[in-house]
């Protein structure tokens, strides 16, 4: 949700045009924040494998609704690689080590295969 504190932080950051969201309760906290940011005209990227809900059903329906509303769904690995841009980044080797380990199954593949 776009609280007064969040609005102040965004202002202090120079009113960025994009936001990356991760967290818990996709159908509530992530959804409300996403809708508020989209309403402000921001581009919202939701890290699908870094959000959760009490049930997989709530999570999947929320991600579907958020995508239909204009948010972009992405993954942790994609966000990290896009943020560092290329191998010239000073932390590339450290991040590459993190990505070398296979990620656990998130239960999202069947959801995305139907899109």
PDB file of N, CA and C in Angstrom:
ATOM      1  N   UNK A   1       0.845  -1.172   0.000  1.00  0.00           N
ATOM      2  CA  UNK A   1       0.000   0.000   0.000  1.00  0.00           C
ATOM      3  C   UNK A   1       0.891   1.237   0.000  1.00  0.00           C
ATOM      4  N   UNK A   2       0.442   2.243  -0.672  1.00  0.00           N
ATOM      5  CA  UNK A   2       1.191   3.481  -0.741  1.00  0.00           C
ATOM      6  C   UNK A   2       0.939   4.296   0.524  1.00  0.00           C
ATOM      7  N   UNK A   3       1.758   4.052   1.526  1.00  0.00           N
ATOM      8  CA  UNK A   3       1.634   4.794   2.774  1.00  0.00           C
ATOM      9  C   UNK A   3       2.359   6.130   2.633  1.00  0.00           C
ATOM     10  N   UNK A   4       2.136   6.985   3.589  1.00  0.00           N
ATOM     11  CA  UNK A   4       2.810   8.280   3.584  1.00  0.00           C
ATOM     12  C   UNK A   4       4.326   8.102   3.623  1.00  0.00           C
ATOM     13  N   UNK A   5       4.788   7.110   4.392  1.00  0.00           N
ATOM     14  CA  UNK A   5       6.225   6.845   4.495  1.00  0.00           C
ATOM     15  C   UNK A   5       6.804   6.409   3.150  1.00  0.00           C
ATOM     16  N   UNK A   6       6.082   5.554   2.438  1.00  0.00           N
ATOM     17  CA  UNK A   6       6.543   5.083   1.129  1.00  0.00           C
ATOM     18  C   UNK A   6       6.573   6.253   0.151  1.00  0.00           C
ATOM     19  N   UNK A   7       5.554   7.076   0.167  1.00  0.00           N
ATOM     20  CA  UNK A   7       5.508   8.243  -0.724  1.00  0.00           C
ATOM     21  C   UNK A   7       6.693   9.170  -0.455  1.00  0.00           C
ATOM     22  N   UNK A   8       7.035   9.369   0.807  1.00  0.00           N
ATOM     23  CA  UNK A   8       8.178  10.214   1.160  1.00  0.00           C
ATOM     24  C   UNK A   8       9.485   9.604   0.655  1.00  0.00           C
ATOM     25  N   UNK A   9       9.628   8.296   0.810  1.00  0.00           N
ATOM     26  CA  UNK A   9      10.844   7.617   0.351  1.00  0.00           C
ATOM     27  C   UNK A   9      10.984   7.726  -1.166  1.00  0.00           C
ATOM     28  N   UNK A  10       9.871   7.525  -1.875  1.00  0.00           N
ATOM     29  CA  UNK A  10       9.913   7.641  -3.332  1.00  0.00           C
ATOM     30  C   UNK A  10      10.295   9.056  -3.746  1.00  0.00           C
ATOM     31  N   UNK A  11       9.765  10.025  -3.054  1.00  0.00           N
ATOM     32  CA  UNK A  11      10.107  11.413  -3.331  1.00  0.00           C
ATOM     33  C   UNK A  11      11.593  11.666  -3.069  1.00  0.00           C
ATOM     34  N   UNK A  12      12.090  11.137  -1.958  1.00  0.00           N
ATOM     35  CA  UNK A  12      13.510  11.306  -1.611  1.00  0.00           C
ATOM     36  C   UNK A  12      14.420  10.641  -2.638  1.00  0.00           C
ATOM     37  N   UNK A  13      13.911   9.603  -3.292  1.00  0.00           N
ATOM     38  CA  UNK A  13      14.685   8.897  -4.327  1.00  0.00           C
ATOM     39  C   UNK A  13      14.553   9.567  -5.695  1.00  0.00           C
ATOM     40  N   UNK A  14      13.869  10.690  -5.742  1.00  0.00           N
ATOM     41  CA  UNK A  14      13.709  11.406  -7.001  1.00  0.00           C
ATOM     42  C   UNK A  14      12.543  10.904  -7.842  1.00  0.00           C
ATOM     43  N   UNK A  15      11.550  10.328  -7.188  1.00  0.00           N
ATOM     44  CA  UNK A  15      10.357   9.805  -7.868  1.00  0.00           C
ATOM     45  C   UNK A  15      10.709   8.864  -9.020  1.00  0.00           C
ATOM     46  N   UNK A  16      11.255   7.697  -8.672  1.00  0.00           N
ATOM     47  CA  UNK A  16      11.634   6.735  -9.715  1.00  0.00           C
ATOM     48  C   UNK A  16      10.431   6.332 -10.564  1.00  0.00           C
ATOM     49  N   UNK A  17      10.715   5.903 -11.763  1.00  0.00           N
ATOM     50  CA  UNK A  17       9.668   5.498 -12.710  1.00  0.00           C
ATOM     51  C   UNK A  17       9.349   4.009 -12.613  1.00  0.00           C
ATOM     52  N   UNK A  18      10.221   3.243 -11.944  1.00  0.00           N
ATOM     53  CA  UNK A  18      10.058   1.797 -11.838  1.00  0.00           C
ATOM     54  C   UNK A  18      10.201   1.354 -10.391  1.00  0.00           C
ATOM     55  N   UNK A  19       9.516   0.236 -10.068  1.00  0.00           N
ATOM     56  CA  UNK A  19       9.636  -0.360  -8.743  1.00  0.00           C
ATOM     57  C   UNK A  19       9.715  -1.865  -8.891  1.00  0.00           C
ATOM     58  N   UNK A  20      10.498  -2.493  -8.020  1.00  0.00           N
ATOM     59  CA  UNK A  20      10.611  -3.949  -7.957  1.00  0.00           C
ATOM     60  C   UNK A  20      10.016  -4.364  -6.625  1.00  0.00           C
ATOM     61  N   UNK A  21       9.019  -5.258  -6.666  1.00  0.00           N
ATOM     62  CA  UNK A  21       8.355  -5.692  -5.444  1.00  0.00           C
ATOM     63  C   UNK A  21       8.583  -7.169  -5.157  1.00  0.00           C
ATOM     64  N   UNK A  22       8.785  -7.477  -3.884  1.00  0.00           N
ATOM     65  CA  UNK A  22       8.810  -8.845  -3.389  1.00  0.00           C
ATOM     66  C   UNK A  22       8.257  -8.796  -1.973  1.00  0.00           C
ATOM     67  N   UNK A  23       7.773  -9.915  -1.474  1.00  0.00           N
ATOM     68  CA  UNK A  23       7.247  -9.913  -0.119  1.00  0.00           C
ATOM     69  C   UNK A  23       6.196 -10.985   0.096  1.00  0.00           C
ATOM     70  N   UNK A  24       5.444 -10.813   1.163  1.00  0.00           N
ATOM     71  CA  UNK A  24       4.449 -11.814   1.519  1.00  0.00           C
ATOM     72  C   UNK A  24       3.041 -11.312   1.229  1.00  0.00           C
ATOM     73  N   UNK A  25       2.126 -12.244   1.214  1.00  0.00           N
ATOM     74  CA  UNK A  25       0.707 -11.981   0.956  1.00  0.00           C
ATOM     75  C   UNK A  25       0.496 -11.248  -0.371  1.00  0.00           C
ATOM     76  N   UNK A  26       0.802 -11.970  -1.443  1.00  0.00           N
ATOM     77  CA  UNK A  26       0.679 -11.433  -2.795  1.00  0.00           C
ATOM     78  C   UNK A  26      -0.705 -10.846  -3.042  1.00  0.00           C
ATOM     79  N   UNK A  27      -1.731 -11.538  -2.574  1.00  0.00           N
ATOM     80  CA  UNK A  27      -3.115 -11.120  -2.837  1.00  0.00           C
ATOM     81  C   UNK A  27      -3.510  -9.894  -2.022  1.00  0.00           C
ATOM     82  N   UNK A  28      -2.718  -9.483  -1.066  1.00  0.00           N
ATOM     83  CA  UNK A  28      -3.057  -8.330  -0.225  1.00  0.00           C
ATOM     84  C   UNK A  28      -1.979  -7.246  -0.338  1.00  0.00           C
ATOM     85  N   UNK A  29      -0.887  -7.432   0.367  1.00  0.00           N
ATOM     86  CA  UNK A  29       0.150  -6.395   0.443  1.00  0.00           C
ATOM     87  C   UNK A  29       0.765  -6.073  -0.922  1.00  0.00           C
ATOM     88  N   UNK A  30       1.192  -7.091  -1.632  1.00  0.00           N
ATOM     89  CA  UNK A  30       1.812  -6.865  -2.940  1.00  0.00           C
ATOM     90  C   UNK A  30       0.785  -6.272  -3.908  1.00  0.00           C
ATOM     91  N   UNK A  31      -0.433  -6.803  -3.890  1.00  0.00           N
ATOM     92  CA  UNK A  31      -1.477  -6.313  -4.795  1.00  0.00           C
ATOM     93  C   UNK A  31      -1.803  -4.845  -4.524  1.00  0.00           C
ATOM     94  N   UNK A  32      -2.042  -4.494  -3.287  1.00  0.00           N
ATOM     95  CA  UNK A  32      -2.396  -3.097  -2.963  1.00  0.00           C
ATOM     96  C   UNK A  32      -1.268  -2.142  -3.343  1.00  0.00           C
ATOM     97  N   UNK A  33      -0.044  -2.537  -3.040  1.00  0.00           N
ATOM     98  CA  UNK A  33       1.101  -1.688  -3.384  1.00  0.00           C
ATOM     99  C   UNK A  33       1.223  -1.551  -4.895  1.00  0.00           C
ATOM    100  N   UNK A  34       1.063  -2.657  -5.599  1.00  0.00           N
ATOM    101  CA  UNK A  34       1.151  -2.625  -7.060  1.00  0.00           C
ATOM    102  C   UNK A  34       0.105  -1.693  -7.649  1.00  0.00           C
ATOM    103  N   UNK A  35      -1.133  -1.834  -7.221  1.00  0.00           N
ATOM    104  CA  UNK A  35      -2.205  -0.991  -7.765  1.00  0.00           C
ATOM    105  C   UNK A  35      -1.938   0.489  -7.489  1.00  0.00           C
ATOM    106  N   UNK A  36      -1.452   0.797  -6.288  1.00  0.00           N
ATOM    107  CA  UNK A  36      -1.140   2.189  -5.953  1.00  0.00           C
ATOM    108  C   UNK A  36      -0.015   2.738  -6.829  1.00  0.00           C
ATOM    109  N   UNK A  37       1.021   1.932  -7.040  1.00  0.00           N
ATOM    110  CA  UNK A  37       2.151   2.377  -7.854  1.00  0.00           C
ATOM    111  C   UNK A  37       1.751   2.523  -9.323  1.00  0.00           C
ATOM    112  N   UNK A  38       0.961   1.579  -9.824  1.00  0.00           N
ATOM    113  CA  UNK A  38       0.478   1.680 -11.200  1.00  0.00           C
ATOM    114  C   UNK A  38      -0.369   2.936 -11.380  1.00  0.00           C
ATOM    115  N   UNK A  39      -1.180   3.238 -10.394  1.00  0.00           N
ATOM    116  CA  UNK A  39      -2.020   4.440 -10.446  1.00  0.00           C
ATOM    117  C   UNK A  39      -1.170   5.713 -10.510  1.00  0.00           C
ATOM    118  N   UNK A  40       0.009   5.674  -9.883  1.00  0.00           N
ATOM    119  CA  UNK A  40       0.939   6.811  -9.931  1.00  0.00           C
ATOM    120  C   UNK A  40       1.701   6.869 -11.250  1.00  0.00           C
ATOM    121  N   UNK A  41       1.467   5.870 -12.115  1.00  0.00           N
ATOM    122  CA  UNK A  41       2.140   5.849 -13.406  1.00  0.00           C
ATOM    123  C   UNK A  41       3.479   5.143 -13.400  1.00  0.00           C
ATOM    124  N   UNK A  42       3.767   4.409 -12.337  1.00  0.00           N
ATOM    125  CA  UNK A  42       5.038   3.707 -12.261  1.00  0.00           C
ATOM    126  C   UNK A  42       4.958   2.364 -12.976  1.00  0.00           C
ATOM    127  N   UNK A  43       6.107   1.900 -13.437  1.00  0.00           N
ATOM    128  CA  UNK A  43       6.247   0.568 -14.015  1.00  0.00           C
ATOM    129  C   UNK A  43       6.589  -0.362 -12.847  1.00  0.00           C
ATOM    130  N   UNK A  44       5.782  -1.393 -12.652  1.00  0.00           N
ATOM    131  CA  UNK A  44       5.961  -2.279 -11.492  1.00  0.00           C
ATOM    132  C   UNK A  44       6.405  -3.659 -11.955  1.00  0.00           C
ATOM    133  N   UNK A  45       7.478  -4.147 -11.345  1.00  0.00           N
ATOM    134  CA  UNK A  45       8.018  -5.478 -11.622  1.00  0.00           C
ATOM    135  C   UNK A  45       7.863  -6.302 -10.347  1.00  0.00           C
ATOM    136  N   UNK A  46       7.130  -7.393 -10.449  1.00  0.00           N
ATOM    137  CA  UNK A  46       6.907  -8.272  -9.302  1.00  0.00           C
ATOM    138  C   UNK A  46       7.778  -9.508  -9.467  1.00  0.00           C
ATOM    139  N   UNK A  47       8.586  -9.782  -8.475  1.00  0.00           N
ATOM    140  CA  UNK A  47       9.479 -10.940  -8.517  1.00  0.00           C
ATOM    141  C   UNK A  47       8.657 -12.164  -8.097  1.00  0.00           C
ATOM    142  N   UNK A  48       8.158 -12.887  -9.091  1.00  0.00           N
ATOM    143  CA  UNK A  48       7.183 -13.959  -8.860  1.00  0.00           C
ATOM    144  C   UNK A  48       7.697 -15.054  -7.933  1.00  0.00           C
ATOM    145  N   UNK A  49       8.989 -15.351  -7.981  1.00  0.00           N
ATOM    146  CA  UNK A  49       9.521 -16.382  -7.100  1.00  0.00           C
ATOM    147  C   UNK A  49       9.995 -15.816  -5.759  1.00  0.00           C
ATOM    148  N   UNK A  50       9.652 -14.553  -5.498  1.00  0.00           N
ATOM    149  CA  UNK A  50      10.002 -13.925  -4.215  1.00  0.00           C
ATOM    150  C   UNK A  50       8.770 -13.299  -3.566  1.00  0.00           C
ATOM    151  N   UNK A  51       7.591 -13.789  -3.939  1.00  0.00           N
ATOM    152  CA  UNK A  51       6.348 -13.395  -3.279  1.00  0.00           C
ATOM    153  C   UNK A  51       5.635 -14.669  -2.844  1.00  0.00           C
ATOM    154  N   UNK A  52       4.788 -14.541  -1.850  1.00  0.00           N
ATOM    155  CA  UNK A  52       4.096 -15.729  -1.345  1.00  0.00           C
ATOM    156  C   UNK A  52       2.690 -15.363  -0.905  1.00  0.00           C
ATOM    157  N   UNK A  53       1.957 -16.371  -0.559  1.00  0.00           N
ATOM    158  CA  UNK A  53       0.621 -16.237   0.014  1.00  0.00           C
ATOM    159  C   UNK A  53       0.416 -17.442   0.921  1.00  0.00           C
ATOM    160  N   UNK A  54      -0.632 -17.391   1.729  1.00  0.00           N
ATOM    161  CA  UNK A  54      -0.908 -18.548   2.586  1.00  0.00           C
ATOM    162  C   UNK A  54      -1.261 -19.766   1.748  1.00  0.00           C
ATOM    163  N   UNK A  55      -1.846 -19.533   0.571  1.00  0.00           N
ATOM    164  CA  UNK A  55      -2.153 -20.657  -0.313  1.00  0.00           C
ATOM    165  C   UNK A  55      -1.615 -20.379  -1.704  1.00  0.00           C
ATOM    166  N   UNK A  56      -1.258 -21.449  -2.399  1.00  0.00           N
ATOM    167  CA  UNK A  56      -0.769 -21.326  -3.765  1.00  0.00           C
ATOM    168  C   UNK A  56      -1.873 -20.759  -4.678  1.00  0.00           C
ATOM    169  N   UNK A  57      -3.118 -21.108  -4.388  1.00  0.00           N
ATOM    170  CA  UNK A  57      -4.240 -20.598  -5.181  1.00  0.00           C
ATOM    171  C   UNK A  57      -4.301 -19.078  -5.103  1.00  0.00           C
ATOM    172  N   UNK A  58      -4.220 -18.525  -3.893  1.00  0.00           N
ATOM    173  CA  UNK A  58      -4.238 -17.059  -3.743  1.00  0.00           C
ATOM    174  C   UNK A  58      -3.066 -16.418  -4.469  1.00  0.00           C
ATOM    175  N   UNK A  59      -1.916 -17.032  -4.350  1.00  0.00           N
ATOM    176  CA  UNK A  59      -0.713 -16.498  -4.992  1.00  0.00           C
ATOM    177  C   UNK A  59      -0.874 -16.470  -6.510  1.00  0.00           C
ATOM    178  N   UNK A  60      -1.314 -17.563  -7.089  1.00  0.00           N
ATOM    179  CA  UNK A  60      -1.429 -17.651  -8.545  1.00  0.00           C
ATOM    180  C   UNK A  60      -2.508 -16.725  -9.095  1.00  0.00           C
ATOM    181  N   UNK A  61      -3.647 -16.665  -8.412  1.00  0.00           N
ATOM    182  CA  UNK A  61      -4.706 -15.759  -8.876  1.00  0.00           C
ATOM    183  C   UNK A  61      -4.266 -14.305  -8.741  1.00  0.00           C
ATOM    184  N   UNK A  62      -3.559 -13.986  -7.669  1.00  0.00           N
ATOM    185  CA  UNK A  62      -3.075 -12.610  -7.492  1.00  0.00           C
ATOM    186  C   UNK A  62      -2.063 -12.252  -8.579  1.00  0.00           C
ATOM    187  N   UNK A  63      -1.134 -13.147  -8.869  1.00  0.00           N
ATOM    188  CA  UNK A  63      -0.149 -12.864  -9.915  1.00  0.00           C
ATOM    189  C   UNK A  63      -0.836 -12.675 -11.266  1.00  0.00           C
ATOM    190  N   UNK A  64      -1.826 -13.482 -11.541  1.00  0.00           N
ATOM    191  CA  UNK A  64      -2.569 -13.347 -12.798  1.00  0.00           C
ATOM    192  C   UNK A  64      -3.261 -11.989 -12.870  1.00  0.00           C
ATOM    193  N   UNK A  65      -3.924 -11.622 -11.810  1.00  0.00           N
ATOM    194  CA  UNK A  65      -4.631 -10.333 -11.764  1.00  0.00           C
ATOM    195  C   UNK A  65      -3.663  -9.156 -11.890  1.00  0.00           C
ATOM    196  N   UNK A  66      -2.532  -9.242 -11.221  1.00  0.00           N
ATOM    197  CA  UNK A  66      -1.545  -8.167 -11.275  1.00  0.00           C
ATOM    198  C   UNK A  66      -0.959  -8.033 -12.678  1.00  0.00           C
ATOM    199  N   UNK A  67      -0.715  -9.148 -13.306  1.00  0.00           N
ATOM    200  CA  UNK A  67      -0.207  -9.136 -14.688  1.00  0.00           C
ATOM    201  C   UNK A  67      -1.241  -8.506 -15.615  1.00  0.00           C
ATOM    202  N   UNK A  68      -2.497  -8.876 -15.459  1.00  0.00           N
ATOM    203  CA  UNK A  68      -3.567  -8.312 -16.285  1.00  0.00           C
ATOM    204  C   UNK A  68      -3.725  -6.813 -16.044  1.00  0.00           C
ATOM    205  N   UNK A  69      -3.342  -6.357 -14.872  1.00  0.00           N
ATOM    206  CA  UNK A  69      -3.473  -4.943 -14.507  1.00  0.00           C
ATOM    207  C   UNK A  69      -2.311  -4.094 -15.001  1.00  0.00           C
ATOM    208  N   UNK A  70      -1.279  -4.754 -15.546  1.00  0.00           N
ATOM    209  CA  UNK A  70      -0.172  -3.997 -16.119  1.00  0.00           C
ATOM    210  C   UNK A  70       1.170  -4.176 -15.444  1.00  0.00           C
ATOM    211  N   UNK A  71       1.232  -4.969 -14.397  1.00  0.00           N
ATOM    212  CA  UNK A  71       2.519  -5.233 -13.749  1.00  0.00           C
ATOM    213  C   UNK A  71       3.290  -6.278 -14.554  1.00  0.00           C
ATOM    214  N   UNK A  72       4.589  -6.213 -14.476  1.00  0.00           N
ATOM    215  CA  UNK A  72       5.449  -7.191 -15.131  1.00  0.00           C
ATOM    216  C   UNK A  72       5.853  -8.252 -14.106  1.00  0.00           C
ATOM    217  N   UNK A  73       5.772  -9.508 -14.498  1.00  0.00           N
ATOM    218  CA  UNK A  73       6.215 -10.594 -13.631  1.00  0.00           C
ATOM    219  C   UNK A  73       7.605 -11.017 -14.071  1.00  0.00           C
ATOM    220  N   UNK A  74       8.476 -11.204 -13.102  1.00  0.00           N
ATOM    221  CA  UNK A  74       9.857 -11.561 -13.395  1.00  0.00           C
ATOM    222  C   UNK A  74      10.353 -12.543 -12.340  1.00  0.00           C
ATOM    223  N   UNK A  75      11.621 -12.892 -12.397  1.00  0.00           N
ATOM    224  CA  UNK A  75      12.212 -13.813 -11.428  1.00  0.00           C
ATOM    225  C   UNK A  75      13.388 -13.147 -10.722  1.00  0.00           C
ATOM    226  N   UNK A  76      13.791 -13.747  -9.631  1.00  0.00           N
ATOM    227  CA  UNK A  76      14.934 -13.230  -8.871  1.00  0.00           C
ATOM    228  C   UNK A  76      16.171 -13.153  -9.754  1.00  0.00           C
ATOM    229  N   UNK A  77      16.444 -14.232 -10.464  1.00  0.00           N
ATOM    230  CA  UNK A  77      17.632 -14.260 -11.316  1.00  0.00           C
ATOM    231  C   UNK A  77      17.574 -13.176 -12.384  1.00  0.00           C
ATOM    232  N   UNK A  78      16.429 -13.014 -13.020  1.00  0.00           N
ATOM    233  CA  UNK A  78      16.295 -11.998 -14.061  1.00  0.00           C
ATOM    234  C   UNK A  78      16.526 -10.598 -13.493  1.00  0.00           C
ATOM    235  N   UNK A  79      15.965 -10.320 -12.322  1.00  0.00           N
ATOM    236  CA  UNK A  79      16.138  -8.999 -11.707  1.00  0.00           C
ATOM    237  C   UNK A  79      17.608  -8.746 -11.378  1.00  0.00           C
ATOM    238  N   UNK A  80      18.253  -9.719 -10.766  1.00  0.00           N
ATOM    239  CA  UNK A  80      19.668  -9.540 -10.420  1.00  0.00           C
ATOM    240  C   UNK A  80      20.515  -9.267 -11.656  1.00  0.00           C
ATOM    241  N   UNK A  81      20.297 -10.059 -12.695  1.00  0.00           N
ATOM    242  CA  UNK A  81      21.101  -9.882 -13.907  1.00  0.00           C
ATOM    243  C   UNK A  81      20.788  -8.564 -14.604  1.00  0.00           C
ATOM    244  N   UNK A  82      19.546  -8.132 -14.579  1.00  0.00           N
ATOM    245  CA  UNK A  82      19.207  -6.851 -15.195  1.00  0.00           C
ATOM    246  C   UNK A  82      19.782  -5.686 -14.395  1.00  0.00           C
ATOM    247  N   UNK A  83      19.824  -5.818 -13.078  1.00  0.00           N
ATOM    248  CA  UNK A  83      20.368  -4.737 -12.252  1.00  0.00           C
ATOM    249  C   UNK A  83      21.873  -4.569 -12.442  1.00  0.00           C
ATOM    250  N   UNK A  84      22.592  -5.686 -12.575  1.00  0.00           N
ATOM    251  CA  UNK A  84      24.051  -5.562 -12.741  1.00  0.00           C
ATOM    252  C   UNK A  84      24.447  -5.339 -14.200  1.00  0.00           C
ATOM    253  N   UNK A  85      23.557  -5.654 -15.120  1.00  0.00           N
ATOM    254  CA  UNK A  85      23.669  -5.418 -16.557  1.00  0.00           C
ATOM    255  C   UNK A  85      24.666  -6.322 -17.283  1.00  0.00           C
ATOM    256  N   UNK A  86      25.918  -6.424 -16.808  1.00  0.00           N
ATOM    257  CA  UNK A  86      26.859  -7.300 -17.509  1.00  0.00           C
ATOM    258  C   UNK A  86      27.989  -7.721 -16.577  1.00  0.00           C
ATOM    259  N   UNK A  87      28.912  -8.494 -17.118  1.00  0.00           N
ATOM    260  CA  UNK A  87      30.007  -9.063 -16.326  1.00  0.00           C
ATOM    261  C   UNK A  87      31.007  -8.012 -15.853  1.00  0.00           C
ATOM    262  N   UNK A  88      30.892  -6.793 -16.330  1.00  0.00           N
ATOM    263  CA  UNK A  88      31.802  -5.725 -15.904  1.00  0.00           C
ATOM    264  C   UNK A  88      31.446  -5.176 -14.527  1.00  0.00           C
ATOM    265  N   UNK A  89      30.259  -5.505 -14.036  1.00  0.00           N
ATOM    266  CA  UNK A  89      29.840  -5.016 -12.718  1.00  0.00           C
ATOM    267  C   UNK A  89      30.799  -5.554 -11.658  1.00  0.00           C
ATOM    268  N   UNK A  90      31.196  -4.733 -10.675  1.00  0.00           N
ATOM    269  CA  UNK A  90      32.173  -5.171  -9.663  1.00  0.00           C
ATOM    270  C   UNK A  90      31.696  -6.367  -8.817  1.00  0.00           C
ATOM    271  N   UNK A  91      30.407  -6.587  -8.702  1.00  0.00           N
ATOM    272  CA  UNK A  91      29.901  -7.704  -7.900  1.00  0.00           C
ATOM    273  C   UNK A  91      29.424  -8.882  -8.747  1.00  0.00           C
ATOM    274  N   UNK A  92      29.736  -8.866 -10.031  1.00  0.00           N
ATOM    275  CA  UNK A  92      29.235  -9.910 -10.923  1.00  0.00           C
ATOM    276  C   UNK A  92      29.610 -11.308 -10.446  1.00  0.00           C
ATOM    277  N   UNK A  93      30.847 -11.522 -10.079  1.00  0.00           N
ATOM    278  CA  UNK A  93      31.301 -12.869  -9.670  1.00  0.00           C
ATOM    279  C   UNK A  93      30.545 -13.366  -8.433  1.00  0.00           C
ATOM    280  N   UNK A  94      30.331 -12.490  -7.477  1.00  0.00           N
ATOM    281  CA  UNK A  94      29.592 -12.879  -6.269  1.00  0.00           C
ATOM    282  C   UNK A  94      28.156 -13.263  -6.610  1.00  0.00           C
ATOM    283  N   UNK A  95      27.535 -12.481  -7.451  1.00  0.00           N
ATOM    284  CA  UNK A  95      26.150 -12.756  -7.843  1.00  0.00           C
ATOM    285  C   UNK A  95      26.082 -14.028  -8.678  1.00  0.00           C
ATOM    286  N   UNK A  96      27.050 -14.227  -9.539  1.00  0.00           N
ATOM    287  CA  UNK A  96      27.096 -15.435 -10.361  1.00  0.00           C
ATOM    288  C   UNK A  96      27.159 -16.686  -9.487  1.00  0.00           C
ATOM    289  N   UNK A  97      27.901 -16.616  -8.388  1.00  0.00           N
ATOM    290  CA  UNK A  97      27.984 -17.756  -7.456  1.00  0.00           C
ATOM    291  C   UNK A  97      26.617 -18.064  -6.847  1.00  0.00           C
ATOM    292  N   UNK A  98      25.858 -17.034  -6.524  1.00  0.00           N
ATOM    293  CA  UNK A  98      24.519 -17.238  -5.968  1.00  0.00           C
ATOM    294  C   UNK A  98      23.604 -17.927  -6.969  1.00  0.00           C
ATOM    295  N   UNK A  99      23.775 -17.589  -8.231  1.00  0.00           N
ATOM    296  CA  UNK A  99      22.905 -18.127  -9.265  1.00  0.00           C
ATOM    297  C   UNK A  99      23.316 -19.519  -9.726  1.00  0.00           C
ATOM    298  N   UNK A 100      24.477 -19.970  -9.316  1.00  0.00           N
ATOM    299  CA  UNK A 100      24.967 -21.281  -9.741  1.00  0.00           C
ATOM    300  C   UNK A 100      24.189 -22.423  -9.094  1.00  0.00           C
ATOM    301  N   UNK A 101      23.573 -22.168  -7.962  1.00  0.00           N
ATOM    302  CA  UNK A 101      22.816 -23.207  -7.260  1.00  0.00           C
ATOM    303  C   UNK A 101      21.394 -23.255  -7.806  1.00  0.00           C
ATOM    304  N   UNK A 102      20.888 -24.446  -8.088  1.00  0.00           N
ATOM    305  CA  UNK A 102      19.511 -24.536  -8.600  1.00  0.00           C
ATOM    306  C   UNK A 102      18.501 -24.016  -7.574  1.00  0.00           C
ATOM    307  N   UNK A 103      17.521 -23.318  -8.068  1.00  0.00           N
ATOM    308  CA  UNK A 103      16.473 -22.794  -7.193  1.00  0.00           C
ATOM    309  C   UNK A 103      15.461 -23.893  -6.888  1.00  0.00           C
ATOM    310  N   UNK A 104      14.843 -23.828  -5.709  1.00  0.00           N
ATOM    311  CA  UNK A 104      13.791 -24.816  -5.401  1.00  0.00           C
ATOM    312  C   UNK A 104      12.558 -24.573  -6.264  1.00  0.00           C
ATOM    313  N   UNK A 105      11.757 -25.608  -6.437  1.00  0.00           N
ATOM    314  CA  UNK A 105      10.537 -25.486  -7.226  1.00  0.00           C
ATOM    315  C   UNK A 105       9.587 -24.506  -6.532  1.00  0.00           C
ATOM    316  N   UNK A 106       9.098 -23.542  -7.277  1.00  0.00           N
ATOM    317  CA  UNK A 106       8.221 -22.524  -6.720  1.00  0.00           C
ATOM    318  C   UNK A 106       6.750 -22.821  -6.991  1.00  0.00           C
ATOM    319  N   UNK A 107       6.475 -23.832  -7.807  1.00  0.00           N
ATOM    320  CA  UNK A 107       5.107 -24.140  -8.158  1.00  0.00           C
ATOM    321  C   UNK A 107       4.526 -23.205  -9.198  1.00  0.00           C
ATOM    322  N   UNK A 108       5.374 -22.424  -9.847  1.00  0.00           N
ATOM    323  CA  UNK A 108       4.897 -21.432 -10.808  1.00  0.00           C
ATOM    324  C   UNK A 108       4.926 -21.922 -12.253  1.00  0.00           C
ATOM    325  N   UNK A 109       5.695 -22.972 -12.539  1.00  0.00           N
ATOM    326  CA  UNK A 109       5.841 -23.397 -13.927  1.00  0.00           C
ATOM    327  C   UNK A 109       4.510 -23.799 -14.560  1.00  0.00           C
ATOM    328  N   UNK A 110       3.692 -24.515 -13.832  1.00  0.00           N
ATOM    329  CA  UNK A 110       2.411 -24.920 -14.411  1.00  0.00           C
ATOM    330  C   UNK A 110       1.508 -23.693 -14.649  1.00  0.00           C
ATOM    331  N   UNK A 111       1.617 -22.702 -13.796  1.00  0.00           N
ATOM    332  CA  UNK A 111       0.841 -21.473 -13.953  1.00  0.00           C
ATOM    333  C   UNK A 111       1.258 -20.745 -15.233  1.00  0.00           C
ATOM    334  N   UNK A 112       2.546 -20.618 -15.438  1.00  0.00           N
ATOM    335  CA  UNK A 112       3.036 -19.887 -16.605  1.00  0.00           C
ATOM    336  C   UNK A 112       2.882 -20.669 -17.891  1.00  0.00           C
ATOM    337  N   UNK A 113       2.856 -21.982 -17.825  1.00  0.00           N
ATOM    338  CA  UNK A 113       2.699 -22.760 -19.047  1.00  0.00           C
ATOM    339  C   UNK A 113       1.290 -22.608 -19.620  1.00  0.00           C
ATOM    340  N   UNK A 114       0.345 -22.170 -18.791  1.00  0.00           N
ATOM    341  CA  UNK A 114      -1.013 -21.990 -19.282  1.00  0.00           C
ATOM    342  C   UNK A 114      -1.281 -20.576 -19.796  1.00  0.00           C
ATOM    343  N   UNK A 115      -0.317 -19.693 -19.669  1.00  0.00           N
ATOM    344  CA  UNK A 115      -0.502 -18.306 -20.131  1.00  0.00           C
ATOM    345  C   UNK A 115      -0.196 -18.155 -21.606  1.00  0.00           C
TER     346      UNK A 115
END
